[in-house]
Amino acid sequence: MALLGADQGRHRGSAAAITYRTRSSAPGDRAAAKVLLERVTDAHHRLELVWADGGYTGSLVEHCLAALALVLAIVKRSDDMHGFVVLPKRWIVERLFAHLMRRRRLARDFERSTSSAEAMIYWSMTMIMTRRLARSRSARG
């Protein structure tokens, strides 16, 4: 999944919680998605499918297929939907952002550097994963 969202002047990109990148808001989302997807495919060679929202249509779809051998599936909102509607697959990334925002330090952009903000995100994900592991062990009993 490669969906980028803006928060307080920085854009945070998530790729299925495999890689998380924080960058300044200078480059566009599609340009940043290319860099993010290239890093993810370098690290995870078995990745074949990426879901993205409607903002990533256009040349990014062809770039993913030709250069990275990835299928970029665009999750579009139907024209006949009115009001708030949960889109398929989109909730996965929204849930990730919600988990991250539960950490008070990530609720606002307090960090001076993007590397510091990225470290806070990794720290938060480590806490989430250790809680899930501890919960699954206690359930197995």
Foldseek 3Di string as FASTA:
>chain_A
DWEWDDAAQWIWIDFLVPDIFIDGPPDDSQVVSVVVVVVVCVVPVPAAEGEYEPVNDDPSQVCCCPPVVHHYHYFYDDPPDDDDDDTPPPVSVVVLVVQLCVPVPLVHPPDPDRVVVRVSSVVSVVVVVVVVVVVVVVVVD
